[in-house]
C-alpha atoms as a PDB file:
ATOM      1  CA  UNK A   1       0.000   0.364  -0.100  1.00  0.00           C
ATOM      2  CA  UNK A   2       2.512   2.793   0.021  1.00  0.00           C
ATOM      3  CA  UNK A   3       2.054   3.394  -3.754  1.00  0.00           C
ATOM      4  CA  UNK A   4      -0.853   4.132  -2.762  1.00  0.00           C
ATOM      5  CA  UNK A   5      -0.229   6.566  -0.007  1.00  0.00           C
ATOM      6  CA  UNK A   6       2.830   7.950  -1.324  1.00  0.00           C
ATOM      7  CA  UNK A   7       0.457   8.784  -4.301  1.00  0.00           C
ATOM      8  CA  UNK A   8      -2.700  10.037  -2.311  1.00  0.00           C
ATOM      9  CA  UNK A   9       0.242  11.531   0.524  1.00  0.00           C
ATOM     10  CA  UNK A  10       1.136  14.076  -3.351  1.00  0.00           C
ATOM     11  CA  UNK A  11      -2.568  14.770  -3.791  1.00  0.00           C
ATOM     12  CA  UNK A  12      -3.037  16.070   0.155  1.00  0.00           C
ATOM     13  CA  UNK A  13       0.021  17.955  -0.102  1.00  0.00           C
ATOM     14  CA  UNK A  14      -0.213  19.840  -3.380  1.00  0.00           C
ATOM     15  CA  UNK A  15      -3.202  20.658  -2.195  1.00  0.00           C
ATOM     16  CA  UNK A  16      -2.419  21.966   1.293  1.00  0.00           C
ATOM     17  CA  UNK A  17       0.960  24.112  -0.462  1.00  0.00           C
ATOM     18  CA  UNK A  18      -1.669  25.692  -2.642  1.00  0.00           C
ATOM     19  CA  UNK A  19      -3.722  26.524   0.266  1.00  0.00           C
ATOM     20  CA  UNK A  20      -1.585  27.957   2.392  1.00  0.00           C
ATOM     21  CA  UNK A  21      -2.825  31.753   2.409  1.00  0.00           C
ATOM     22  CA  UNK A  22      -6.166  30.578   2.965  1.00  0.00           C
ATOM     23  CA  UNK A  23      -9.448  29.199   0.619  1.00  0.00           C
ATOM     24  CA  UNK A  24     -12.789  28.407   0.451  1.00  0.00           C
ATOM     25  CA  UNK A  25     -14.352  25.324   1.052  1.00  0.00           C
ATOM     26  CA  UNK A  26     -15.545  24.934  -2.835  1.00  0.00           C
ATOM     27  CA  UNK A  27     -12.270  26.253  -3.827  1.00  0.00           C
ATOM     28  CA  UNK A  28     -10.670  23.460  -1.439  1.00  0.00           C
ATOM     29  CA  UNK A  29     -12.803  20.797  -3.455  1.00  0.00           C
ATOM     30  CA  UNK A  30     -12.262  22.295  -6.880  1.00  0.00           C
ATOM     31  CA  UNK A  31      -8.288  21.214  -5.721  1.00  0.00           C
ATOM     32  CA  UNK A  32      -8.702  18.137  -4.283  1.00  0.00           C
ATOM     33  CA  UNK A  33     -10.603  17.651  -7.370  1.00  0.00           C
ATOM     34  CA  UNK A  34      -8.276  18.147  -9.841  1.00  0.00           C
ATOM     35  CA  UNK A  35      -5.576  16.782  -8.275  1.00  0.00           C
ATOM     36  CA  UNK A  36      -6.764  12.788  -7.783  1.00  0.00           C
ATOM     37  CA  UNK A  37      -7.456  13.281 -11.330  1.00  0.00           C
ATOM     38  CA  UNK A  38      -4.217  14.674 -12.200  1.00  0.00           C
ATOM     39  CA  UNK A  39      -2.982  11.342 -10.417  1.00  0.00           C
ATOM     40  CA  UNK A  40      -4.747   9.354 -12.065  1.00  0.00           C
ATOM     41  CA  UNK A  41      -7.091   8.578  -8.851  1.00  0.00           C
ATOM     42  CA  UNK A  42     -11.127   7.312 -10.253  1.00  0.00           C
ATOM     43  CA  UNK A  43     -13.212   8.793  -7.427  1.00  0.00           C
ATOM     44  CA  UNK A  44     -15.920  11.100  -6.701  1.00  0.00           C
ATOM     45  CA  UNK A  45     -15.372  13.623  -4.392  1.00  0.00           C
ATOM     46  CA  UNK A  46     -18.737  14.595  -3.312  1.00  0.00           C
ATOM     47  CA  UNK A  47     -19.542  17.497  -0.346  1.00  0.00           C
ATOM     48  CA  UNK A  48     -23.165  16.699   2.123  1.00  0.00           C
ATOM     49  CA  UNK A  49     -24.730  19.350   3.881  1.00  0.00           C
ATOM     50  CA  UNK A  50     -25.740  18.281   7.433  1.00  0.00           C
ATOM     51  CA  UNK A  51     -27.821  21.417   8.706  1.00  0.00           C
ATOM     52  CA  UNK A  52     -27.473  19.367  12.716  1.00  0.00           C
ATOM     53  CA  UNK A  53     -23.434  20.041  12.503  1.00  0.00           C
ATOM     54  CA  UNK A  54     -21.703  22.685  13.796  1.00  0.00           C
ATOM     55  CA  UNK A  55     -20.274  25.617  10.882  1.00  0.00           C
ATOM     56  CA  UNK A  56     -17.160  24.366  11.795  1.00  0.00           C
ATOM     57  CA  UNK A  57     -18.185  20.144  11.990  1.00  0.00           C
ATOM     58  CA  UNK A  58     -17.642  18.008   9.321  1.00  0.00           C
ATOM     59  CA  UNK A  59     -16.486  14.043   8.845  1.00  0.00           C
ATOM     60  CA  UNK A  60     -15.851  12.182   5.935  1.00  0.00           C
ATOM     61  CA  UNK A  61     -17.223   8.623   4.562  1.00  0.00           C
ATOM     62  CA  UNK A  62     -15.757   6.810   1.573  1.00  0.00           C
ATOM     63  CA  UNK A  63     -17.224   3.882   0.217  1.00  0.00           C
ATOM     64  CA  UNK A  64     -16.006   1.106  -2.213  1.00  0.00           C
ATOM     65  CA  UNK A  65     -17.864  -0.463  -4.771  1.00  0.00           C
ATOM     66  CA  UNK A  66     -16.963  -4.260  -7.078  1.00  0.00           C
ATOM     67  CA  UNK A  67     -19.920  -4.392  -9.162  1.00  0.00           C
ATOM     68  CA  UNK A  68     -19.145  -0.661 -10.595  1.00  0.00           C
ATOM     69  CA  UNK A  69     -14.981  -1.238 -10.549  1.00  0.00           C
ATOM     70  CA  UNK A  70     -15.879  -4.670 -12.520  1.00  0.00           C
ATOM     71  CA  UNK A  71     -18.183  -2.719 -14.775  1.00  0.00           C
ATOM     72  CA  UNK A  72     -15.575   0.216 -15.358  1.00  0.00           C
ATOM     73  CA  UNK A  73     -17.716   2.575 -13.221  1.00  0.00           C
ATOM     74  CA  UNK A  74     -16.220   4.873 -11.653  1.00  0.00           C
ATOM     75  CA  UNK A  75     -15.835   2.632  -7.810  1.00  0.00           C
ATOM     76  CA  UNK A  76     -15.123   5.032  -5.036  1.00  0.00           C
ATOM     77  CA  UNK A  77     -16.939   7.828  -3.485  1.00  0.00           C
ATOM     78  CA  UNK A  78     -15.945   9.893  -0.992  1.00  0.00           C
ATOM     79  CA  UNK A  79     -17.746  12.091   1.141  1.00  0.00           C
ATOM     80  CA  UNK A  80     -17.263  15.437   3.553  1.00  0.00           C
ATOM     81  CA  UNK A  81     -20.332  15.647   5.506  1.00  0.00           C
ATOM     82  CA  UNK A  82     -20.136  19.480   6.765  1.00  0.00           C
ATOM     83  CA  UNK A  83     -22.439  22.445   7.634  1.00  0.00           C
ATOM     84  CA  UNK A  84     -20.148  24.922   5.924  1.00  0.00           C
ATOM     85  CA  UNK A  85     -20.240  28.690   5.563  1.00  0.00           C
ATOM     86  CA  UNK A  86     -19.729  29.259   1.700  1.00  0.00           C
ATOM     87  CA  UNK A  87     -17.537  32.134   1.824  1.00  0.00           C
ATOM     88  CA  UNK A  88     -15.899  31.003   4.992  1.00  0.00           C
ATOM     89  CA  UNK A  89     -11.483  31.108   4.892  1.00  0.00           C
ATOM     90  CA  UNK A  90     -10.023  28.021   5.815  1.00  0.00           C
ATOM     91  CA  UNK A  91      -6.869  28.504   7.358  1.00  0.00           C
ATOM     92  CA  UNK A  92      -3.861  25.737   7.021  1.00  0.00           C
ATOM     93  CA  UNK A  93      -4.685  23.903  10.295  1.00  0.00           C
ATOM     94  CA  UNK A  94      -8.462  23.248   9.254  1.00  0.00           C
ATOM     95  CA  UNK A  95      -7.536  22.933   5.846  1.00  0.00           C
ATOM     96  CA  UNK A  96      -5.009  19.713   7.375  1.00  0.00           C
ATOM     97  CA  UNK A  97      -7.750  18.411   9.396  1.00  0.00           C
ATOM     98  CA  UNK A  98      -9.790  17.673   6.444  1.00  0.00           C
ATOM     99  CA  UNK A  99      -6.847  16.672   4.357  1.00  0.00           C
ATOM    100  CA  UNK A 100      -6.059  14.311   6.789  1.00  0.00           C
ATOM    101  CA  UNK A 101      -9.484  12.467   7.020  1.00  0.00           C
ATOM    102  CA  UNK A 102      -9.561  12.484   3.120  1.00  0.00           C
ATOM    103  CA  UNK A 103      -5.586  10.418   3.132  1.00  0.00           C
ATOM    104  CA  UNK A 104      -7.220   8.373   5.653  1.00  0.00           C
ATOM    105  CA  UNK A 105     -10.406   8.046   4.235  1.00  0.00           C
ATOM    106  CA  UNK A 106      -9.298   7.410   0.460  1.00  0.00           C
ATOM    107  CA  UNK A 107      -6.487   4.875   1.422  1.00  0.00           C
ATOM    108  CA  UNK A 108      -9.033   2.424   2.756  1.00  0.00           C
ATOM    109  CA  UNK A 109     -11.115   1.845   0.133  1.00  0.00           C
ATOM    110  CA  UNK A 110      -8.100   2.018  -1.977  1.00  0.00           C
ATOM    111  CA  UNK A 111      -6.911  -0.900   0.075  1.00  0.00           C
ATOM    112  CA  UNK A 112     -10.926  -2.850  -0.133  1.00  0.00           C
ATOM    113  CA  UNK A 113     -10.085  -2.378  -4.552  1.00  0.00           C
ATOM    114  CA  UNK A 114      -7.450  -4.166  -3.963  1.00  0.00           C
ATOM    115  CA  UNK A 115      -8.602  -6.752  -2.057  1.00  0.00           C
ATOM    116  CA  UNK A 116     -11.854  -6.926  -4.067  1.00  0.00           C
ATOM    117  CA  UNK A 117      -9.199  -7.786  -7.361  1.00  0.00           C
ATOM    118  CA  UNK A 118      -7.494 -10.626  -6.347  1.00  0.00           C
ATOM    119  CA  UNK A 119     -10.931 -12.211  -6.207  1.00  0.00           C
ATOM    120  CA  UNK A 120     -11.720 -11.252  -9.710  1.00  0.00           C
ATOM    121  CA  UNK A 121     -14.038  -8.737  -8.107  1.00  0.00           C
ATOM    122  CA  UNK A 122     -16.358 -11.397  -6.225  1.00  0.00           C
ATOM    123  CA  UNK A 123     -19.097  -8.835  -4.117  1.00  0.00           C
ATOM    124  CA  UNK A 124     -17.582  -9.094  -0.276  1.00  0.00           C
ATOM    125  CA  UNK A 125     -20.394  -9.048   3.000  1.00  0.00           C
ATOM    126  CA  UNK A 126     -23.033  -6.369   2.597  1.00  0.00           C
ATOM    127  CA  UNK A 127     -22.803  -4.358   5.558  1.00  0.00           C
ATOM    128  CA  UNK A 128     -24.942  -2.111   5.359  1.00  0.00           C
ATOM    129  CA  UNK A 129     -28.055  -3.814   7.353  1.00  0.00           C
ATOM    130  CA  UNK A 130     -25.523  -5.721   9.524  1.00  0.00           C
ATOM    131  CA  UNK A 131     -24.770  -5.263  13.144  1.00  0.00           C
ATOM    132  CA  UNK A 132     -21.397  -3.088  13.931  1.00  0.00           C
ATOM    133  CA  UNK A 133     -19.629  -5.850  15.432  1.00  0.00           C
ATOM    134  CA  UNK A 134     -19.837  -7.887  11.947  1.00  0.00           C
ATOM    135  CA  UNK A 135     -18.864  -5.126   9.952  1.00  0.00           C
ATOM    136  CA  UNK A 136     -15.701  -4.499  12.230  1.00  0.00           C
ATOM    137  CA  UNK A 137     -15.572  -8.530  12.367  1.00  0.00           C
ATOM    138  CA  UNK A 138     -15.550  -8.791   8.643  1.00  0.00           C
ATOM    139  CA  UNK A 139     -11.993 -10.303   7.166  1.00  0.00           C
ATOM    140  CA  UNK A 140     -11.417  -7.306   4.238  1.00  0.00           C
ATOM    141  CA  UNK A 141     -12.748  -4.611   7.724  1.00  0.00           C
ATOM    142  CA  UNK A 142     -10.031  -5.846   9.926  1.00  0.00           C
ATOM    143  CA  UNK A 143      -7.141  -6.266   7.148  1.00  0.00           C
ATOM    144  CA  UNK A 144      -8.208  -2.281   6.013  1.00  0.00           C
ATOM    145  CA  UNK A 145      -8.387  -1.285   9.296  1.00  0.00           C
ATOM    146  CA  UNK A 146      -4.826  -3.001  10.148  1.00  0.00           C
ATOM    147  CA  UNK A 147      -3.491  -0.402   7.765  1.00  0.00           C
ATOM    148  CA  UNK A 148      -5.836   2.125   9.015  1.00  0.00           C
ATOM    149  CA  UNK A 149      -4.417   2.000  13.099  1.00  0.00           C
ATOM    150  CA  UNK A 150      -0.972   1.598  12.054  1.00  0.00           C
ATOM    151  CA  UNK A 151      -1.228   4.799   9.738  1.00  0.00           C
ATOM    152  CA  UNK A 152      -3.329   7.004  12.571  1.00  0.00           C
ATOM    153  CA  UNK A 153      -0.418   5.362  15.423  1.00  0.00           C
ATOM    154  CA  UNK A 154       2.134   6.246  13.539  1.00  0.00           C
ATOM    155  CA  UNK A 155       1.040   9.783  12.894  1.00  0.00           C
ATOM    156  CA  UNK A 156      -0.082  10.684  16.465  1.00  0.00           C
ATOM    157  CA  UNK A 157       2.831   8.030  18.185  1.00  0.00           C
ATOM    158  CA  UNK A 158       5.631   7.960  16.078  1.00  0.00           C
ATOM    159  CA  UNK A 159       6.116   4.547  14.850  1.00  0.00           C
ATOM    160  CA  UNK A 160       8.766   3.011  16.598  1.00  0.00           C
ATOM    161  CA  UNK A 161       6.820   4.448  20.313  1.00  0.00           C
ATOM    162  CA  UNK A 162       4.022   2.829  18.697  1.00  0.00           C
ATOM    163  CA  UNK A 163       6.202  -0.421  18.342  1.00  0.00           C
ATOM    164  CA  UNK A 164       7.178  -0.811  21.805  1.00  0.00           C
ATOM    165  CA  UNK A 165       3.655  -0.160  23.628  1.00  0.00           C
ATOM    166  CA  UNK A 166       2.570  -3.253  20.372  1.00  0.00           C
ATOM    167  CA  UNK A 167       3.404  -5.485  23.619  1.00  0.00           C
ATOM    168  CA  UNK A 168       0.234  -3.581  25.480  1.00  0.00           C
ATOM    169  CA  UNK A 169      -2.198  -3.384  22.722  1.00  0.00           C
ATOM    170  CA  UNK A 170      -5.326  -2.813  25.424  1.00  0.00           C
ATOM    171  CA  UNK A 171      -3.446   0.079  26.623  1.00  0.00           C
ATOM    172  CA  UNK A 172      -2.526   2.014  23.149  1.00  0.00           C
ATOM    173  CA  UNK A 173      -6.548   1.097  21.838  1.00  0.00           C
ATOM    174  CA  UNK A 174      -7.410   3.472  25.044  1.00  0.00           C
ATOM    175  CA  UNK A 175      -4.214   5.807  24.901  1.00  0.00           C
ATOM    176  CA  UNK A 176      -5.291   9.452  24.776  1.00  0.00           C
ATOM    177  CA  UNK A 177      -2.959  12.373  24.180  1.00  0.00           C
ATOM    178  CA  UNK A 178      -4.814  16.037  24.929  1.00  0.00           C
ATOM    179  CA  UNK A 179      -8.101  14.719  25.060  1.00  0.00           C
ATOM    180  CA  UNK A 180      -8.347  12.486  21.325  1.00  0.00           C
ATOM    181  CA  UNK A 181      -7.517   8.820  21.431  1.00  0.00           C
ATOM    182  CA  UNK A 182      -3.904   7.753  19.285  1.00  0.00           C
ATOM    183  CA  UNK A 183      -6.310   6.016  17.462  1.00  0.00           C
ATOM    184  CA  UNK A 184      -9.846   6.521  17.236  1.00  0.00           C
ATOM    185  CA  UNK A 185     -10.228   3.197  14.755  1.00  0.00           C
ATOM    186  CA  UNK A 186      -8.340   1.063  17.378  1.00  0.00           C
ATOM    187  CA  UNK A 187     -10.558   2.793  20.367  1.00  0.00           C
ATOM    188  CA  UNK A 188     -13.923   1.408  18.269  1.00  0.00           C
ATOM    189  CA  UNK A 189     -12.522  -1.771  18.139  1.00  0.00           C
ATOM    190  CA  UNK A 190     -12.014  -2.030  21.760  1.00  0.00           C
ATOM    191  CA  UNK A 191     -15.226  -0.200  22.197  1.00  0.00           C
ATOM    192  CA  UNK A 192     -17.182  -2.702  20.342  1.00  0.00           C
ATOM    193  CA  UNK A 193     -15.193  -5.971  21.941  1.00  0.00           C
ATOM    194  CA  UNK A 194     -13.914  -4.843  25.401  1.00  0.00           C
ATOM    195  CA  UNK A 195     -10.764  -6.669  25.757  1.00  0.00           C
ATOM    196  CA  UNK A 196      -7.748  -8.966  23.632  1.00  0.00           C
ATOM    197  CA  UNK A 197      -9.628 -11.629  24.733  1.00  0.00           C
ATOM    198  CA  UNK A 198     -11.612 -11.260  21.644  1.00  0.00           C
ATOM    199  CA  UNK A 199     -10.318 -13.577  18.476  1.00  0.00           C
ATOM    200  CA  UNK A 200     -11.148 -10.532  16.259  1.00  0.00           C
ATOM    201  CA  UNK A 201      -8.954  -8.030  19.051  1.00  0.00           C
ATOM    202  CA  UNK A 202      -5.954 -11.160  18.499  1.00  0.00           C
ATOM    203  CA  UNK A 203      -6.156 -11.286  15.065  1.00  0.00           C
ATOM    204  CA  UNK A 204      -6.496  -7.337  14.575  1.00  0.00           C
ATOM    205  CA  UNK A 205      -3.320  -6.910  16.321  1.00  0.00           C
ATOM    206  CA  UNK A 206      -1.461  -9.297  14.741  1.00  0.00           C
ATOM    207  CA  UNK A 207      -2.143  -7.656  10.821  1.00  0.00           C
ATOM    208  CA  UNK A 208      -1.077  -3.645  12.926  1.00  0.00           C
ATOM    209  CA  UNK A 209       2.425  -4.835  13.902  1.00  0.00           C
ATOM    210  CA  UNK A 210       2.751  -6.416   9.629  1.00  0.00           C
ATOM    211  CA  UNK A 211       1.247  -3.167   9.132  1.00  0.00           C
ATOM    212  CA  UNK A 212       3.567  -1.471  10.771  1.00  0.00           C
ATOM    213  CA  UNK A 213       6.671  -3.385  10.200  1.00  0.00           C
ATOM    214  CA  UNK A 214       5.886  -1.839   6.320  1.00  0.00           C
ATOM    215  CA  UNK A 215       4.680   1.014   6.308  1.00  0.00           C
ATOM    216  CA  UNK A 216       6.475   3.782   4.927  1.00  0.00           C
ATOM    217  CA  UNK A 217       6.051   6.757   7.192  1.00  0.00           C
ATOM    218  CA  UNK A 218       7.729   9.290   4.953  1.00  0.00           C
ATOM    219  CA  UNK A 219       3.759   8.627   2.993  1.00  0.00           C
ATOM    220  CA  UNK A 220       2.281   9.332   5.046  1.00  0.00           C
ATOM    221  CA  UNK A 221      -0.257  12.682   5.147  1.00  0.00           C
ATOM    222  CA  UNK A 222       0.104  14.393   8.332  1.00  0.00           C
END
């Protein structure tokens, strides 16, 4: 996944560099779409206005569709849910916070695309109506979230410090700096499955270790 991470990181770095003097949300979307297109990514980047969110609140969701991929249609959709004022100007911190979520979501979905291509686009489980624990326990999701978790840990804790913490995996899942989890995705797994005796968490711990050993931190957008 380092090659995908390197390219997505380049997209995010270019957008941040080109918006260092401030940028509106609409212009930021335009720059992102252009950079993804110029870097050869086949994805849709959308925005969704949610009036219940605060003026500076947002979150990013992304989806991969194996059937669209097989039919040569755009297979990945990235959606920014927000309630931004159209004319408000973003500073570098706000832009970086959004780009981090874009980076993480895009890398996660491209992992799903690789999984799907390996099995010739046979569709894996549809989680739209599944309980959250079934979604997190799906082998594809464990594999993809292992990358997402490794990225979060490297970004917020550092790779080698994370490796020192890794034998205490449950402690790592509860660890916070400045009242924020060092890995929100890992915290979500422990919130759902409680402790390391659960087989899902044992598998996840092994996969996170493998990803940490392979990941090139130069390609993680920070």
